[in-house]
Amino acid sequence: MLFEPQHRPRVFAQPPGSDLARDLVDGLVDRCRDLAPEILARTEIYVSISSLRYGLRNQFIERGNCLLPKFIF
């Protein structure tokens, strides 16, 4: 489980001009570091534009050996 249960919503933000794909992949990899390696393969990421999907995929590929999550467009 990536997050512990809580009663209030989780809101994540990043500053304007930052690289969304890089920041998202950095955050996911950091959260999954202590979990089983296949947890990323069971993760689904919903994206609204294809350029973000390609950016996320490329960020994962640049990291080397890891299983890719499922991107839902």
Protein backbone atom coordinates (compact mmCIF):
# COMPACT_ATOMS: atom_id res chain seq x y z
CA MET A 1 0.00 0.00 0.00
CA LEU A 2 1.48 3.35 -1.02
CA PHE A 3 -0.41 5.43 1.52
CA GLU A 4 -1.59 4.85 5.06
CA PRO A 5 -5.38 5.33 5.46
CA GLN A 6 -6.49 8.75 6.66
CA HIS A 7 -9.71 10.74 6.92
CA ARG A 8 -8.64 13.91 5.13
CA PRO A 9 -7.92 14.14 1.38
CA ARG A 10 -4.39 14.06 0.04
CA VAL A 11 -3.44 17.02 -2.10
CA PHE A 12 -0.11 17.24 -3.86
CA ALA A 13 1.20 20.31 -5.64
CA GLN A 14 4.32 21.44 -7.38
CA PRO A 15 5.63 24.89 -8.24
CA PRO A 16 4.93 26.42 -11.66
CA GLY A 17 7.57 25.63 -14.26
CA SER A 18 8.69 22.36 -12.69
CA ASP A 19 8.89 19.13 -14.70
CA LEU A 20 5.71 17.22 -13.85
CA ALA A 21 6.86 13.92 -15.37
CA ARG A 22 10.21 13.95 -13.56
CA ASP A 23 8.69 15.01 -10.23
CA LEU A 24 5.94 12.40 -10.42
CA VAL A 25 8.34 9.57 -11.26
CA ASP A 26 10.76 10.70 -8.53
CA GLY A 27 7.91 10.66 -6.00
CA LEU A 28 6.58 7.26 -7.06
CA VAL A 29 9.99 5.62 -7.07
CA ASP A 30 10.75 7.12 -3.66
CA ARG A 31 7.46 5.85 -2.20
CA CYS A 32 7.96 2.38 -3.70
CA ARG A 33 11.60 2.06 -2.65
CA ASP A 34 10.89 -0.24 0.33
CA LEU A 35 8.09 -2.17 -1.36
CA ALA A 36 8.25 -5.16 -3.68
CA PRO A 37 9.74 -4.28 -7.10
CA GLU A 38 6.59 -5.34 -8.95
CA ILE A 39 4.44 -2.74 -7.16
CA LEU A 40 5.11 -0.27 -9.99
CA ALA A 41 3.85 -2.80 -12.52
CA ARG A 42 0.55 -2.93 -10.59
CA THR A 43 0.27 0.86 -10.46
CA GLU A 44 -2.11 2.69 -12.79
CA ILE A 45 -1.45 6.30 -13.77
CA TYR A 46 -4.27 8.23 -15.41
CA VAL A 47 -3.03 10.91 -17.80
CA SER A 48 -5.05 13.41 -19.80
CA ILE A 49 -2.56 14.21 -22.56
CA SER A 50 -0.33 11.91 -24.58
CA SER A 51 2.77 14.09 -24.18
CA LEU A 52 2.64 13.52 -20.41
CA ARG A 53 2.30 9.78 -20.97
CA TYR A 54 5.41 9.77 -23.17
CA GLY A 55 7.27 11.99 -20.70
CA LEU A 56 6.45 9.66 -17.81
CA ARG A 57 7.43 6.59 -19.81
CA ASN A 58 10.74 8.20 -20.80
CA GLN A 59 11.49 9.17 -17.19
CA PHE A 60 10.98 5.56 -16.08
CA ILE A 61 13.12 4.24 -18.95
CA GLU A 62 15.95 6.68 -18.16
CA ARG A 63 16.08 5.27 -14.62
CA GLY A 64 17.09 1.87 -15.95
CA ASN A 65 15.90 -1.45 -14.60
CA CYS A 66 12.34 -1.09 -13.38
CA LEU A 67 8.90 -2.32 -14.28
CA LEU A 68 6.68 0.28 -15.92
CA PRO A 69 3.28 1.18 -14.52
CA LYS A 70 0.18 1.03 -16.67
CA PHE A 71 -0.64 4.38 -18.28
CA ILE A 72 -4.34 4.93 -18.91
CA PHE A 73 -5.14 7.65 -21.42
